[in-house]
């Protein structure tokens, strides 16, 4: 499975549930923007490793909205403390989806520790996240996204980036549009 295909399925779930999305820096944000730009998407243009933390904070600040954070294996490895904080807070409205391609995809596909055996699902369970699921194909991801709304899903995908353009909006435009969407009542 390719990351862009996984992101497409996540975007579909977000649209169906009117979820807010926090997308990891670099290519994951660019791929989401290319697939399904919407006001409820927050594209991180910096802050590697913080998608899971920003998603958690958002889920606590706007408890009436469902929040999905899309993160990468390299980013989660940079901020593993967020997993313990997510476990401690246990928000019902928060789903962290870690797309594990075994590389730092936005900086040249250098291998991450997951390509050498580190199991982020096991790390998350060890940190105390009680709902952790791992999938490695499109059918299983589609089924999992239909039945899981909280906790963490680790999606194993092939390395590589889709050929998509750079996001043309400024950081100010992204955050202003996103904040207006967060303030809007949930449907």
Protein backbone atom coordinates (compact mmCIF):
# COMPACT_ATOMS: atom_id res chain seq x y z
CA UNK A 1 0.00 0.00 0.00
CA UNK A 2 1.15 3.53 -0.74
CA UNK A 3 0.90 6.32 1.83
CA UNK A 4 -1.27 8.47 -0.46
CA UNK A 5 -3.81 5.61 -0.65
CA UNK A 6 -3.92 5.38 3.15
CA UNK A 7 -4.33 9.15 3.40
CA UNK A 8 -7.17 9.01 0.89
CA UNK A 9 -9.05 6.53 3.09
CA UNK A 10 -8.41 8.63 6.21
CA UNK A 11 -9.68 11.75 4.39
CA UNK A 12 -12.85 9.89 3.42
CA UNK A 13 -13.47 8.91 7.05
CA UNK A 14 -12.84 12.49 8.19
CA UNK A 15 -15.31 13.86 5.70
CA UNK A 16 -17.98 11.31 6.70
CA UNK A 17 -17.57 12.10 10.43
CA UNK A 18 -16.88 15.82 9.97
CA UNK A 19 -13.56 15.19 11.74
CA UNK A 20 -10.76 17.69 12.07
CA UNK A 21 -7.43 16.43 10.69
CA UNK A 22 -3.93 17.39 11.80
CA UNK A 23 -1.52 16.24 9.09
CA UNK A 24 2.18 15.54 9.61
CA UNK A 25 4.76 17.82 8.00
CA UNK A 26 6.05 17.49 4.49
CA UNK A 27 4.66 15.05 1.99
CA UNK A 28 1.77 13.72 4.13
CA UNK A 29 0.35 17.26 4.34
CA UNK A 30 0.98 17.83 0.65
CA UNK A 31 -0.70 14.53 -0.25
CA UNK A 32 -3.75 15.28 1.92
CA UNK A 33 -4.03 18.78 0.44
CA UNK A 34 -3.83 17.34 -3.08
CA UNK A 35 -6.43 14.64 -2.35
CA UNK A 36 -8.99 16.55 -0.30
CA UNK A 37 -8.36 20.14 0.71
CA UNK A 38 -10.90 21.34 3.25
CA UNK A 39 -11.11 23.87 6.08
CA UNK A 40 -11.02 21.05 8.65
CA UNK A 41 -7.48 20.05 7.62
CA UNK A 42 -4.51 21.53 9.45
CA UNK A 43 -1.40 21.15 7.31
CA UNK A 44 1.76 21.22 9.36
CA UNK A 45 4.50 23.02 7.48
CA UNK A 46 6.99 22.61 10.32
CA UNK A 47 7.25 21.11 13.80
CA UNK A 48 8.27 17.55 12.96
CA UNK A 49 7.07 15.15 15.60
CA UNK A 50 4.22 17.25 16.91
CA UNK A 51 1.18 16.10 14.92
CA UNK A 52 0.21 13.64 17.65
CA UNK A 53 0.59 16.30 20.35
CA UNK A 54 -1.29 18.98 18.41
CA UNK A 55 -4.06 16.48 17.64
CA UNK A 56 -4.32 15.55 21.32
CA UNK A 57 -4.48 19.19 22.39
CA UNK A 58 -7.13 19.89 19.79
CA UNK A 59 -9.23 16.92 20.91
CA UNK A 60 -9.15 18.22 24.48
CA UNK A 61 -9.86 21.84 23.46
CA UNK A 62 -12.76 20.97 21.13
CA UNK A 63 -14.30 17.86 22.73
CA UNK A 64 -17.45 18.07 20.62
CA UNK A 65 -15.43 17.42 17.43
CA UNK A 66 -13.74 14.20 16.35
CA UNK A 67 -10.02 14.65 15.66
CA UNK A 68 -7.71 12.53 13.53
CA UNK A 69 -3.96 13.11 13.62
CA UNK A 70 -1.93 11.68 10.76
CA UNK A 71 1.64 11.12 11.84
CA UNK A 72 4.65 9.29 10.46
CA UNK A 73 6.92 6.73 12.06
CA UNK A 74 9.88 9.14 12.07
CA UNK A 75 7.83 11.84 13.72
CA UNK A 76 6.45 9.54 16.42
CA UNK A 77 9.98 8.30 17.11
CA UNK A 78 11.00 11.95 17.67
CA UNK A 79 8.17 12.54 20.16
CA UNK A 80 7.41 9.20 21.83
CA UNK A 81 6.45 11.00 25.02
CA UNK A 82 3.21 12.03 23.31
CA UNK A 83 2.08 8.38 23.39
CA UNK A 84 2.18 8.33 27.20
CA UNK A 85 0.30 11.64 27.35
CA UNK A 86 -2.35 10.34 24.94
CA UNK A 87 -2.68 7.21 27.11
CA UNK A 88 -3.04 9.31 30.25
CA UNK A 89 -5.70 11.62 28.76
CA UNK A 90 -7.66 8.86 26.93
CA UNK A 91 -9.76 11.22 24.80
CA UNK A 92 -12.83 9.54 23.30
CA UNK A 93 -12.77 11.87 20.29
CA UNK A 94 -9.16 11.32 19.17
CA UNK A 95 -7.66 8.88 16.68
CA UNK A 96 -3.94 8.86 15.95
CA UNK A 97 -3.05 7.21 12.64
CA UNK A 98 0.66 6.52 12.29
CA UNK A 99 1.70 5.84 8.72
CA UNK A 100 4.83 3.71 9.02
CA UNK A 101 6.87 3.58 5.83
CA UNK A 102 10.13 2.78 7.64
CA UNK A 103 11.73 6.01 6.41
CA UNK A 104 11.93 9.74 6.94
CA UNK A 105 9.93 10.21 3.75
CA UNK A 106 10.04 14.00 3.51
CA UNK A 107 13.81 14.30 3.95
CA UNK A 108 15.12 11.69 1.52
CA UNK A 109 13.85 8.29 2.68
CA UNK A 110 16.57 7.67 5.24
CA UNK A 111 15.60 4.54 7.25
CA UNK A 112 13.91 4.93 10.63
CA UNK A 113 14.17 2.50 13.54
CA UNK A 114 10.93 0.86 12.41
CA UNK A 115 12.77 -0.47 9.37
CA UNK A 116 15.04 -2.30 11.84
CA UNK A 117 12.33 -3.83 14.02
CA UNK A 118 10.97 -1.13 16.32
CA UNK A 119 7.24 -1.84 16.66
CA UNK A 120 5.32 1.41 17.26
CA UNK A 121 2.15 -0.52 18.13
CA UNK A 122 4.00 -2.32 20.92
CA UNK A 123 5.53 0.98 22.07
CA UNK A 124 2.06 2.59 22.19
CA UNK A 125 0.64 -0.34 24.18
CA UNK A 126 3.62 -0.10 26.54
CA UNK A 127 2.90 3.61 26.97
CA UNK A 128 -0.65 2.70 28.01
CA UNK A 129 -2.76 3.34 24.90
CA UNK A 130 -5.45 0.69 25.26
CA UNK A 131 -6.74 0.64 21.67
CA UNK A 132 -3.88 -0.02 19.25
CA UNK A 133 -4.34 -1.68 15.88
CA UNK A 134 -1.83 -2.49 13.15
CA UNK A 135 -2.73 -2.97 9.49
CA UNK A 136 -0.69 -3.47 6.36
CA UNK A 137 -3.14 -3.50 3.46
CA UNK A 138 -5.95 -1.40 2.07
CA UNK A 139 -8.78 -3.82 2.91
CA UNK A 140 -7.77 -4.06 6.57
CA UNK A 141 -7.29 -0.29 6.84
CA UNK A 142 -10.72 0.36 5.36
CA UNK A 143 -12.34 -2.07 7.82
CA UNK A 144 -10.41 -0.59 10.75
CA UNK A 145 -11.33 2.99 9.86
CA UNK A 146 -15.01 2.01 9.78
CA UNK A 147 -14.98 0.57 13.29
CA UNK A 148 -12.31 2.55 15.19
CA UNK A 149 -12.76 6.19 16.27
CA UNK A 150 -10.22 6.46 19.10
CA UNK A 151 -6.81 5.14 20.08
CA UNK A 152 -4.14 4.45 17.50
CA UNK A 153 -3.83 2.71 14.17
CA UNK A 154 -0.39 1.89 12.78
CA UNK A 155 -0.55 1.57 8.99
CA UNK A 156 2.43 -0.08 7.36
CA UNK A 157 3.00 1.25 3.85
CA UNK A 158 5.71 1.16 1.21
CA UNK A 159 8.35 3.91 1.21
CA UNK A 160 7.95 6.69 -1.31
CA UNK A 161 6.19 9.98 -1.89
CA UNK A 162 3.48 10.82 -4.38
CA UNK A 163 4.33 13.50 -6.92
CA UNK A 164 2.13 16.28 -5.58
CA UNK A 165 2.59 20.06 -5.58
CA UNK A 166 3.64 22.18 -2.66
CA UNK A 167 0.73 23.64 -0.65
CA UNK A 168 0.11 27.12 -2.03
CA UNK A 169 -1.52 28.58 1.11
CA UNK A 170 0.53 30.53 3.61
CA UNK A 171 0.80 29.30 7.20
CA UNK A 172 -1.41 32.23 8.23
CA UNK A 173 -4.11 31.24 5.73
CA UNK A 174 -3.99 27.61 6.89
CA UNK A 175 -4.36 28.42 10.59
CA UNK A 176 -7.01 31.13 10.14
CA UNK A 177 -9.19 28.87 8.00
CA UNK A 178 -8.67 25.95 10.39
CA UNK A 179 -9.45 28.02 13.51
CA UNK A 180 -12.67 29.25 11.93
CA UNK A 181 -13.65 25.63 11.23
CA UNK A 182 -12.83 24.60 14.83
CA UNK A 183 -15.09 27.37 16.15
CA UNK A 184 -17.99 26.24 13.96
CA UNK A 185 -20.54 24.01 15.74
CA UNK A 186 -20.30 20.33 14.94
CA UNK A 187 -22.93 19.01 12.56
